[in-house]
Amino acid sequence: MSKYLKNLISQELATRLQGIQDAVLVKVVGLDANQTMTLRRTLREKEIHLMVVKNSLARRATEGTELSAAFENVEGPVAIVWGSEDVVSLSKEIVRISGEKEYEGFVPRGGVMDGEALTPEKVVQVSKWPSREEQLSILVGQILGPGGTLAAQLIGPGGTLASQIEQKAEPDKAEPDKEGE
């Protein structure tokens, strides 16, 4: 391949990967065309993109970006996977798919998160973290918890007082009836 052609391809890759900060590298060797098509469709439904790249061209294209750390020590054919809501959701999906028998050749090979290179083991660890959505629900629960407790503490005594007043008022109503009999 000529140097001119390599530069064109690298520029195209750089354009496609522009703005991407987190990605996972996967091995896709061993998947046939039908499996690959099904895999891409499954990923596309979750807004995840998969692109098979030549390592040397990917290194050129990602040079000077946060993705460059992912390709530092990578050998052999790999595909770069990016997208989803966050890197945790992406890792969860990659690890889930790699565990399926149908996609036996699909294996995480590493990646990059916040400019830091990830090993395959680290990708599996990240997949066990709570996703952005889960973290937000935990945070909202922690924010609303004390407020709910405070509201209950403020409303509780008032409710008790109202109940006691109501109980005191009921015997007074019942007593005149007994006297009238």
N, C-alpha and C. Protein backbone atom coordinates (compact mmCIF):
# COMPACT_ATOMS: atom_id res chain seq x y z
N MET A 1 0.85 -1.16 0.00
CA MET A 1 0.00 0.00 0.00
C MET A 1 0.91 1.23 0.00
N SER A 2 0.61 2.18 -0.85
CA SER A 2 1.45 3.37 -0.97
C SER A 2 1.26 4.28 0.24
N LYS A 3 2.24 5.13 0.47
CA LYS A 3 2.20 6.04 1.60
C LYS A 3 1.03 7.02 1.46
N TYR A 4 0.78 7.46 0.24
CA TYR A 4 -0.33 8.37 -0.04
C TYR A 4 -1.66 7.73 0.36
N LEU A 5 -1.86 6.49 -0.02
CA LEU A 5 -3.09 5.77 0.30
C LEU A 5 -3.22 5.56 1.81
N LYS A 6 -2.11 5.22 2.46
CA LYS A 6 -2.13 5.05 3.92
C LYS A 6 -2.52 6.35 4.60
N ASN A 7 -1.99 7.46 4.11
CA ASN A 7 -2.34 8.76 4.69
C ASN A 7 -3.82 9.08 4.51
N LEU A 8 -4.37 8.76 3.33
CA LEU A 8 -5.80 8.98 3.09
C LEU A 8 -6.67 8.16 4.04
N ILE A 9 -6.30 6.90 4.18
CA ILE A 9 -7.06 6.01 5.07
C ILE A 9 -6.93 6.48 6.52
N SER A 10 -5.74 6.87 6.92
CA SER A 10 -5.53 7.36 8.29
C SER A 10 -6.35 8.61 8.55
N GLN A 11 -6.41 9.50 7.57
CA GLN A 11 -7.21 10.72 7.73
C GLN A 11 -8.69 10.38 7.86
N GLU A 12 -9.14 9.43 7.05
CA GLU A 12 -10.54 9.01 7.13
C GLU A 12 -10.86 8.39 8.50
N LEU A 13 -9.94 7.54 9.00
CA LEU A 13 -10.12 6.95 10.32
C LEU A 13 -10.14 8.02 11.40
N ALA A 14 -9.23 8.97 11.29
CA ALA A 14 -9.16 10.06 12.28
C ALA A 14 -10.45 10.85 12.28
N THR A 15 -11.03 11.07 11.13
CA THR A 15 -12.29 11.80 11.03
C THR A 15 -13.42 11.00 11.68
N ARG A 16 -13.46 9.70 11.42
CA ARG A 16 -14.53 8.86 11.99
C ARG A 16 -14.40 8.72 13.50
N LEU A 17 -13.16 8.73 14.00
CA LEU A 17 -12.93 8.54 15.43
C LEU A 17 -12.82 9.86 16.20
N GLN A 18 -12.99 10.96 15.52
CA GLN A 18 -12.87 12.27 16.16
C GLN A 18 -13.92 12.44 17.24
N GLY A 19 -13.50 12.89 18.40
CA GLY A 19 -14.42 13.12 19.51
C GLY A 19 -14.68 11.91 20.38
N ILE A 20 -14.16 10.77 20.00
CA ILE A 20 -14.35 9.54 20.80
C ILE A 20 -13.25 9.48 21.84
N GLN A 21 -13.65 9.33 23.10
CA GLN A 21 -12.67 9.30 24.18
C GLN A 21 -12.51 7.91 24.80
N ASP A 22 -13.57 7.11 24.74
CA ASP A 22 -13.56 5.78 25.35
C ASP A 22 -13.90 4.75 24.29
N ALA A 23 -13.14 3.67 24.27
CA ALA A 23 -13.39 2.60 23.30
C ALA A 23 -12.83 1.29 23.85
N VAL A 24 -13.31 0.21 23.27
CA VAL A 24 -12.83 -1.13 23.64
C VAL A 24 -12.33 -1.80 22.37
N LEU A 25 -11.21 -2.47 22.48
CA LEU A 25 -10.68 -3.25 21.36
C LEU A 25 -11.12 -4.69 21.55
N VAL A 26 -11.54 -5.32 20.47
CA VAL A 26 -11.99 -6.70 20.54
C VAL A 26 -11.36 -7.52 19.42
N LYS A 27 -11.27 -8.79 19.67
CA LYS A 27 -10.80 -9.74 18.66
C LYS A 27 -12.05 -10.30 17.98
N VAL A 28 -12.07 -10.26 16.66
CA VAL A 28 -13.23 -10.79 15.93
C VAL A 28 -12.85 -11.93 15.00
N VAL A 29 -11.60 -12.39 15.10
CA VAL A 29 -11.16 -13.49 14.25
C VAL A 29 -11.90 -14.75 14.67
N GLY A 30 -12.40 -15.48 13.70
CA GLY A 30 -13.12 -16.71 13.98
C GLY A 30 -14.62 -16.57 13.78
N LEU A 31 -15.09 -15.36 13.57
CA LEU A 31 -16.51 -15.17 13.29
C LEU A 31 -16.72 -15.21 11.79
N ASP A 32 -17.74 -15.94 11.36
CA ASP A 32 -18.03 -15.96 9.92
C ASP A 32 -18.89 -14.75 9.56
N ALA A 33 -19.20 -14.59 8.29
CA ALA A 33 -19.91 -13.41 7.81
C ALA A 33 -21.28 -13.26 8.44
N ASN A 34 -22.01 -14.36 8.60
CA ASN A 34 -23.35 -14.29 9.19
C ASN A 34 -23.28 -13.87 10.66
N GLN A 35 -22.32 -14.42 11.39
CA GLN A 35 -22.17 -14.05 12.79
C GLN A 35 -21.79 -12.57 12.92
N THR A 36 -20.90 -12.12 12.04
CA THR A 36 -20.47 -10.73 12.08
C THR A 36 -21.64 -9.80 11.78
N MET A 37 -22.45 -10.16 10.79
CA MET A 37 -23.60 -9.33 10.45
C MET A 37 -24.60 -9.27 11.62
N THR A 38 -24.86 -10.40 12.25
CA THR A 38 -25.77 -10.46 13.39
C THR A 38 -25.19 -9.66 14.56
N LEU A 39 -23.90 -9.80 14.78
CA LEU A 39 -23.23 -9.06 15.84
C LEU A 39 -23.33 -7.56 15.62
N ARG A 40 -23.06 -7.11 14.41
CA ARG A 40 -23.13 -5.68 14.09
C ARG A 40 -24.56 -5.15 14.28
N ARG A 41 -25.55 -5.94 13.89
CA ARG A 41 -26.95 -5.54 14.06
C ARG A 41 -27.28 -5.41 15.54
N THR A 42 -26.85 -6.37 16.33
CA THR A 42 -27.08 -6.35 17.78
C THR A 42 -26.45 -5.11 18.41
N LEU A 43 -25.22 -4.82 18.01
CA LEU A 43 -24.53 -3.66 18.55
C LEU A 43 -25.18 -2.36 18.08
N ARG A 44 -25.58 -2.31 16.84
CA ARG A 44 -26.20 -1.11 16.27
C ARG A 44 -27.49 -0.75 17.00
N GLU A 45 -28.24 -1.77 17.43
CA GLU A 45 -29.48 -1.54 18.16
C GLU A 45 -29.22 -0.82 19.48
N LYS A 46 -28.02 -0.98 20.01
CA LYS A 46 -27.65 -0.35 21.28
C LYS A 46 -26.76 0.87 21.05
N GLU A 47 -26.75 1.36 19.81
CA GLU A 47 -25.96 2.52 19.41
C GLU A 47 -24.47 2.33 19.68
N ILE A 48 -23.99 1.13 19.38
CA ILE A 48 -22.58 0.80 19.51
C ILE A 48 -22.03 0.54 18.11
N HIS A 49 -20.86 1.08 17.84
CA HIS A 49 -20.25 0.94 16.52
C HIS A 49 -19.05 0.01 16.60
N LEU A 50 -18.85 -0.78 15.57
CA LEU A 50 -17.73 -1.71 15.49
C LEU A 50 -17.02 -1.46 14.16
N MET A 51 -15.70 -1.31 14.21
CA MET A 51 -14.94 -1.09 12.99
C MET A 51 -13.63 -1.88 13.08
N VAL A 52 -13.42 -2.74 12.10
CA VAL A 52 -12.17 -3.50 12.02
C VAL A 52 -11.12 -2.59 11.39
N VAL A 53 -9.98 -2.50 12.04
CA VAL A 53 -8.93 -1.60 11.57
C VAL A 53 -7.58 -2.31 11.56
N LYS A 54 -6.72 -1.84 10.70
CA LYS A 54 -5.34 -2.30 10.69
C LYS A 54 -4.61 -1.51 11.77
N ASN A 55 -3.86 -2.21 12.62
CA ASN A 55 -3.22 -1.58 13.77
C ASN A 55 -2.35 -0.38 13.41
N SER A 56 -1.53 -0.53 12.40
CA SER A 56 -0.61 0.57 12.05
C SER A 56 -1.39 1.80 11.59
N LEU A 57 -2.46 1.59 10.84
CA LEU A 57 -3.28 2.72 10.39
C LEU A 57 -4.04 3.35 11.56
N ALA A 58 -4.50 2.51 12.48
CA ALA A 58 -5.20 3.02 13.65
C ALA A 58 -4.25 3.83 14.54
N ARG A 59 -3.01 3.37 14.67
CA ARG A 59 -2.02 4.12 15.45
C ARG A 59 -1.80 5.50 14.84
N ARG A 60 -1.69 5.53 13.52
CA ARG A 60 -1.50 6.81 12.82
C ARG A 60 -2.71 7.72 13.02
N ALA A 61 -3.89 7.16 12.89
CA ALA A 61 -5.11 7.95 12.96
C ALA A 61 -5.38 8.49 14.36
N THR A 62 -4.99 7.74 15.38
CA THR A 62 -5.27 8.15 16.76
C THR A 62 -4.11 8.85 17.43
N GLU A 63 -3.04 9.07 16.71
CA GLU A 63 -1.86 9.72 17.26
C GLU A 63 -2.23 11.10 17.80
N GLY A 64 -1.88 11.35 19.05
CA GLY A 64 -2.17 12.63 19.67
C GLY A 64 -3.57 12.74 20.26
N THR A 65 -4.34 11.67 20.22
CA THR A 65 -5.69 11.69 20.81
C THR A 65 -5.71 10.77 22.03
N GLU A 66 -6.82 10.79 22.73
CA GLU A 66 -6.95 9.91 23.90
C GLU A 66 -7.01 8.44 23.51
N LEU A 67 -7.39 8.14 22.29
CA LEU A 67 -7.49 6.75 21.84
C LEU A 67 -6.13 6.12 21.56
N SER A 68 -5.10 6.92 21.46
CA SER A 68 -3.78 6.38 21.09
C SER A 68 -3.28 5.36 22.11
N ALA A 69 -3.65 5.51 23.37
CA ALA A 69 -3.20 4.57 24.40
C ALA A 69 -3.71 3.16 24.15
N ALA A 70 -4.84 3.03 23.49
CA ALA A 70 -5.42 1.70 23.24
C ALA A 70 -4.58 0.88 22.27
N PHE A 71 -3.89 1.54 21.33
CA PHE A 71 -3.18 0.82 20.28
C PHE A 71 -1.68 0.69 20.53
N GLU A 72 -1.20 1.05 21.70
CA GLU A 72 0.24 1.05 21.97
C GLU A 72 0.87 -0.33 21.85
N ASN A 73 0.34 -1.33 22.50
CA ASN A 73 0.97 -2.65 22.52
C ASN A 73 0.09 -3.72 21.87
N VAL A 74 -0.74 -3.33 20.94
CA VAL A 74 -1.68 -4.27 20.33
C VAL A 74 -1.03 -4.91 19.11
N GLU A 75 -1.17 -6.22 19.03
CA GLU A 75 -0.67 -6.97 17.88
C GLU A 75 -1.79 -7.85 17.36
N GLY A 76 -1.76 -8.08 16.09
CA GLY A 76 -2.78 -8.92 15.48
C GLY A 76 -4.01 -8.12 15.13
N PRO A 77 -4.93 -8.74 14.39
CA PRO A 77 -6.13 -8.03 13.96
C PRO A 77 -7.07 -7.73 15.14
N VAL A 78 -7.58 -6.51 15.17
CA VAL A 78 -8.53 -6.10 16.20
C VAL A 78 -9.61 -5.24 15.57
N ALA A 79 -10.66 -5.08 16.31
CA ALA A 79 -11.74 -4.17 15.92
C ALA A 79 -11.91 -3.19 17.07
N ILE A 80 -12.22 -1.97 16.73
CA ILE A 80 -12.47 -0.96 17.75
C ILE A 80 -13.98 -0.81 17.90
N VAL A 81 -14.44 -0.78 19.14
CA VAL A 81 -15.86 -0.68 19.45
C VAL A 81 -16.06 0.55 20.32
N TRP A 82 -17.00 1.41 19.93
CA TRP A 82 -17.29 2.61 20.71
C TRP A 82 -18.77 2.91 20.64
N GLY A 83 -19.19 3.80 21.49
CA GLY A 83 -20.60 4.20 21.51
C GLY A 83 -21.23 3.89 22.84
N SER A 84 -22.51 3.67 22.83
CA SER A 84 -23.32 3.41 24.01
C SER A 84 -23.39 4.67 24.87
N GLU A 85 -24.03 4.55 26.00
CA GLU A 85 -24.22 5.69 26.89
C GLU A 85 -22.92 6.10 27.56
N ASP A 86 -22.13 5.13 27.99
CA ASP A 86 -20.84 5.40 28.63
C ASP A 86 -19.96 4.17 28.49
N VAL A 87 -18.72 4.29 28.94
CA VAL A 87 -17.77 3.19 28.77
C VAL A 87 -18.16 1.97 29.60
N VAL A 88 -18.84 2.19 30.71
CA VAL A 88 -19.27 1.05 31.55
C VAL A 88 -20.34 0.24 30.81
N SER A 89 -21.31 0.92 30.24
CA SER A 89 -22.36 0.22 29.47
C SER A 89 -21.75 -0.49 28.27
N LEU A 90 -20.78 0.15 27.64
CA LEU A 90 -20.09 -0.46 26.50
C LEU A 90 -19.37 -1.73 26.94
N SER A 91 -18.64 -1.65 28.04
CA SER A 91 -17.91 -2.81 28.56
C SER A 91 -18.86 -3.94 28.95
N LYS A 92 -19.98 -3.58 29.57
CA LYS A 92 -20.96 -4.60 29.96
C LYS A 92 -21.46 -5.35 28.73
N GLU A 93 -21.76 -4.61 27.67
CA GLU A 93 -22.28 -5.25 26.45
C GLU A 93 -21.21 -6.12 25.80
N ILE A 94 -19.98 -5.65 25.74
CA ILE A 94 -18.88 -6.42 25.14
C ILE A 94 -18.65 -7.71 25.92
N VAL A 95 -18.60 -7.61 27.24
CA VAL A 95 -18.37 -8.81 28.07
C VAL A 95 -19.55 -9.77 27.95
N ARG A 96 -20.76 -9.24 27.90
CA ARG A 96 -21.95 -10.09 27.76
C ARG A 96 -21.90 -10.86 26.44
N ILE A 97 -21.59 -10.17 25.36
CA ILE A 97 -21.55 -10.81 24.05
C ILE A 97 -20.40 -11.81 23.98
N SER A 98 -19.27 -11.47 24.58
CA SER A 98 -18.12 -12.40 24.52
C SER A 98 -18.40 -13.69 25.27
N GLY A 99 -19.34 -13.66 26.20
CA GLY A 99 -19.70 -14.86 26.95
C GLY A 99 -20.70 -15.75 26.22
N GLU A 100 -21.31 -15.24 25.15
CA GLU A 100 -22.27 -16.04 24.41
C GLU A 100 -21.57 -17.05 23.53
N LYS A 101 -22.15 -18.22 23.45
CA LYS A 101 -21.56 -19.30 22.67
C LYS A 101 -21.57 -18.99 21.17
N GLU A 102 -22.56 -18.24 20.73
CA GLU A 102 -22.71 -17.91 19.32
C GLU A 102 -21.53 -17.07 18.80
N TYR A 103 -20.96 -16.23 19.67
CA TYR A 103 -19.86 -15.34 19.28
C TYR A 103 -18.58 -15.75 19.99
N GLU A 104 -18.17 -16.97 19.79
CA GLU A 104 -17.02 -17.52 20.48
C GLU A 104 -15.71 -16.79 20.16
N GLY A 105 -15.56 -16.26 18.96
CA GLY A 105 -14.33 -15.57 18.59
C GLY A 105 -14.29 -14.11 19.00
N PHE A 106 -15.36 -13.61 19.57
CA PHE A 106 -15.46 -12.21 19.99
C PHE A 106 -14.94 -12.09 21.41
N VAL A 107 -13.74 -11.51 21.56
CA VAL A 107 -13.08 -11.45 22.86
C VAL A 107 -12.52 -10.05 23.09
N PRO A 108 -12.71 -9.45 24.28
CA PRO A 108 -12.12 -8.15 24.56
C PRO A 108 -10.59 -8.25 24.58
N ARG A 109 -9.93 -7.28 23.96
CA ARG A 109 -8.46 -7.27 23.90
C ARG A 109 -7.86 -6.09 24.64
N GLY A 110 -8.69 -5.19 25.13
CA GLY A 110 -8.20 -4.00 25.81
C GLY A 110 -9.07 -2.82 25.46
N GLY A 111 -8.52 -1.64 25.64
CA GLY A 111 -9.28 -0.45 25.30
C GLY A 111 -8.68 0.78 25.92
N VAL A 112 -9.47 1.81 25.99
CA VAL A 112 -9.03 3.07 26.57
C VAL A 112 -10.22 3.73 27.27
N MET A 113 -9.94 4.28 28.46
CA MET A 113 -10.96 4.99 29.23
C MET A 113 -10.29 6.22 29.83
N ASP A 114 -10.79 7.38 29.50
CA ASP A 114 -10.23 8.64 29.98
C ASP A 114 -8.73 8.76 29.68
N GLY A 115 -8.32 8.30 28.52
CA GLY A 115 -6.93 8.40 28.11
C GLY A 115 -6.01 7.34 28.69
N GLU A 116 -6.54 6.45 29.51
CA GLU A 116 -5.75 5.40 30.14
C GLU A 116 -6.03 4.07 29.44
N ALA A 117 -4.94 3.35 29.11
CA ALA A 117 -5.09 2.07 28.44
C ALA A 117 -5.72 1.04 29.39
N LEU A 118 -6.58 0.20 28.83
CA LEU A 118 -7.23 -0.86 29.59
C LEU A 118 -6.73 -2.21 29.10
N THR A 119 -6.49 -3.11 30.02
CA THR A 119 -6.16 -4.48 29.67
C THR A 119 -7.48 -5.25 29.53
N PRO A 120 -7.45 -6.45 28.95
CA PRO A 120 -8.69 -7.23 28.87
C PRO A 120 -9.31 -7.49 30.25
N GLU A 121 -8.47 -7.70 31.26
CA GLU A 121 -8.98 -7.93 32.61
C GLU A 121 -9.66 -6.67 33.16
N LYS A 122 -9.08 -5.52 32.85
CA LYS A 122 -9.65 -4.26 33.31
C LYS A 122 -11.00 -3.98 32.64
N VAL A 123 -11.14 -4.39 31.38
CA VAL A 123 -12.42 -4.23 30.68
C VAL A 123 -13.50 -5.03 31.41
N VAL A 124 -13.15 -6.25 31.85
CA VAL A 124 -14.10 -7.09 32.59
C VAL A 124 -14.43 -6.43 33.94
N GLN A 125 -13.43 -5.85 34.60
CA GLN A 125 -13.67 -5.17 35.88
C GLN A 125 -14.60 -3.97 35.68
N VAL A 126 -14.36 -3.20 34.64
CA VAL A 126 -15.19 -2.01 34.37
C VAL A 126 -16.63 -2.44 34.09
N SER A 127 -16.81 -3.59 33.48
CA SER A 127 -18.17 -4.05 33.16
C SER A 127 -18.98 -4.36 34.42
N LYS A 128 -18.32 -4.53 35.54
CA LYS A 128 -19.01 -4.82 36.80
C LYS A 128 -19.39 -3.56 37.57
N TRP A 129 -18.91 -2.42 37.12
CA TRP A 129 -19.25 -1.15 37.77
C TRP A 129 -20.69 -0.79 37.44
N PRO A 130 -21.32 0.08 38.25
CA PRO A 130 -22.66 0.55 37.89
C PRO A 130 -22.57 1.50 36.69
N SER A 131 -23.53 1.40 35.80
CA SER A 131 -23.55 2.26 34.62
C SER A 131 -23.95 3.68 35.02
N ARG A 132 -23.89 4.57 34.09
CA ARG A 132 -24.24 5.97 34.36
C ARG A 132 -25.65 6.08 34.89
N GLU A 133 -26.57 5.37 34.27
CA GLU A 133 -27.97 5.39 34.69
C GLU A 133 -28.11 4.87 36.12
N GLU A 134 -27.42 3.78 36.43
CA GLU A 134 -27.47 3.21 37.78
C GLU A 134 -26.85 4.17 38.80
N GLN A 135 -25.74 4.82 38.42
CA GLN A 135 -25.09 5.78 39.32
C GLN A 135 -26.01 6.96 39.61
N LEU A 136 -26.72 7.42 38.58
CA LEU A 136 -27.65 8.54 38.78
C LEU A 136 -28.79 8.14 39.71
N SER A 137 -29.31 6.92 39.57
CA SER A 137 -30.40 6.49 40.45
C SER A 137 -29.91 6.35 41.89
N ILE A 138 -28.68 5.88 42.08
CA ILE A 138 -28.11 5.79 43.43
C ILE A 138 -27.97 7.19 44.02
N LEU A 139 -27.46 8.12 43.22
CA LEU A 139 -27.27 9.50 43.67
C LEU A 139 -28.60 10.15 44.03
N VAL A 140 -29.61 9.98 43.20
CA VAL A 140 -30.92 10.55 43.48
C VAL A 140 -31.49 9.96 44.77
N GLY A 141 -31.31 8.67 44.97
CA GLY A 141 -31.77 8.03 46.21
C GLY A 141 -31.07 8.60 47.43
N GLN A 142 -29.76 8.86 47.29
CA GLN A 142 -29.01 9.42 48.41
C GLN A 142 -29.41 10.87 48.68
N ILE A 143 -29.76 11.59 47.64
CA ILE A 143 -30.18 12.98 47.82
C ILE A 143 -31.58 13.03 48.43
N LEU A 144 -32.50 12.20 47.94
CA LEU A 144 -33.88 12.24 48.41
C LEU A 144 -34.09 11.54 49.76
N GLY A 145 -33.21 10.63 50.11
CA GLY A 145 -33.36 9.88 51.36
C GLY A 145 -33.46 10.76 52.59
N PRO A 146 -32.49 11.64 52.86
CA PRO A 146 -32.58 12.50 54.04
C PRO A 146 -33.80 13.42 54.01
N GLY A 147 -34.16 13.92 52.84
CA GLY A 147 -35.34 14.79 52.72
C GLY A 147 -36.61 14.03 53.08
N GLY A 148 -36.71 12.78 52.62
CA GLY A 148 -37.88 11.96 52.94
C GLY A 148 -37.95 11.67 54.42
N THR A 149 -36.79 11.40 55.02
CA THR A 149 -36.74 11.14 56.46
C THR A 149 -37.16 12.38 57.24
N LEU A 150 -36.65 13.54 56.82
CA LEU A 150 -37.00 14.79 57.49
C LEU A 150 -38.49 15.07 57.37
N ALA A 151 -39.04 14.87 56.18
CA ALA A 151 -40.47 15.10 55.98
C ALA A 151 -41.30 14.18 56.87
N ALA A 152 -40.88 12.92 56.95
CA ALA A 152 -41.61 11.97 57.80
C ALA A 152 -41.52 12.38 59.26
N GLN A 153 -40.36 12.88 59.68
CA GLN A 153 -40.21 13.30 61.07
C GLN A 153 -41.04 14.54 61.38
N LEU A 154 -41.20 15.40 60.39
CA LEU A 154 -42.01 16.60 60.60
C LEU A 154 -43.50 16.28 60.57
N ILE A 155 -43.90 15.40 59.67
CA ILE A 155 -45.31 15.06 59.51
C ILE A 155 -45.77 14.10 60.60
N GLY A 156 -44.90 13.22 61.06
CA GLY A 156 -45.25 12.19 62.04
C GLY A 156 -45.88 12.73 63.30
N PRO A 157 -45.23 13.67 64.01
CA PRO A 157 -45.83 14.19 65.25
C PRO A 157 -47.16 14.90 65.00
N GLY A 158 -47.27 15.61 63.88
CA GLY A 158 -48.54 16.28 63.56
C GLY A 158 -49.65 15.27 63.35
N GLY A 159 -49.33 14.19 62.69
CA GLY A 159 -50.32 13.14 62.47
C GLY A 159 -50.73 12.48 63.77
N THR A 160 -49.75 12.28 64.64
CA THR A 160 -50.04 11.68 65.94
C THR A 160 -50.94 12.60 66.76
N LEU A 161 -50.64 13.89 66.75
CA LEU A 161 -51.43 14.87 67.48
C LEU A 161 -52.87 14.92 66.95
N ALA A 162 -53.01 14.92 65.63
CA ALA A 162 -54.35 14.94 65.02
C ALA A 162 -55.13 13.69 65.41
N SER A 163 -54.45 12.54 65.45
CA SER A 163 -55.11 11.29 65.82
C SER A 163 -55.58 11.34 67.28
N GLN A 164 -54.73 11.89 68.15
CA GLN A 164 -55.10 11.98 69.57
C GLN A 164 -56.28 12.93 69.77
N ILE A 165 -56.30 14.03 69.04
CA ILE A 165 -57.41 14.98 69.15
C ILE A 165 -58.69 14.32 68.67
N GLU A 166 -58.59 13.56 67.58
CA GLU A 166 -59.75 12.87 67.04
C GLU A 166 -60.29 11.84 68.04
N GLN A 167 -59.38 11.12 68.68
CA GLN A 167 -59.80 10.12 69.67
C GLN A 167 -60.48 10.79 70.87
N LYS A 168 -59.97 11.93 71.29
CA LYS A 168 -60.57 12.64 72.42
C LYS A 168 -61.95 13.18 72.06
N ALA A 169 -62.11 13.56 70.81
CA ALA A 169 -63.39 14.12 70.36
C ALA A 169 -64.45 13.04 70.22
N GLU A 170 -64.12 11.84 69.87
CA GLU A 170 -65.08 10.74 69.69
C GLU A 170 -65.78 10.35 70.99
N PRO A 171 -65.08 10.19 72.10
CA PRO A 171 -65.81 9.84 73.33
C PRO A 171 -66.77 10.94 73.74
N ASP A 172 -66.46 12.18 73.49
CA ASP A 172 -67.37 13.27 73.84
C ASP A 172 -68.65 13.14 73.05
N LYS A 173 -68.58 12.72 71.81
CA LYS A 173 -69.78 12.53 70.98
C LYS A 173 -70.57 11.33 71.48
N ALA A 174 -69.87 10.31 71.89
CA ALA A 174 -70.54 9.08 72.32
C ALA A 174 -71.20 9.27 73.68
N GLU A 175 -70.66 10.05 74.56
CA GLU A 175 -71.21 10.24 75.90
C GLU A 175 -72.60 10.84 75.91
N PRO A 176 -72.89 11.89 75.09
CA PRO A 176 -74.24 12.43 75.11
C PRO A 176 -75.27 11.40 74.67
N ASP A 177 -74.91 10.49 73.80
CA ASP A 177 -75.84 9.47 73.37
C ASP A 177 -76.18 8.53 74.52
N LYS A 178 -75.17 8.21 75.34
CA LYS A 178 -75.41 7.32 76.46
C LYS A 178 -76.29 8.00 77.52
N GLU A 179 -76.09 9.29 77.68
CA GLU A 179 -76.88 10.01 78.68
C GLU A 179 -78.33 10.12 78.25
N GLY A 180 -78.53 10.22 76.95
CA GLY A 180 -79.89 10.37 76.44
C GLY A 180 -80.68 9.08 76.53
N GLU A 181 -80.08 7.97 76.67
CA GLU A 181 -80.78 6.69 76.69
C GLU A 181 -81.40 6.46 77.96
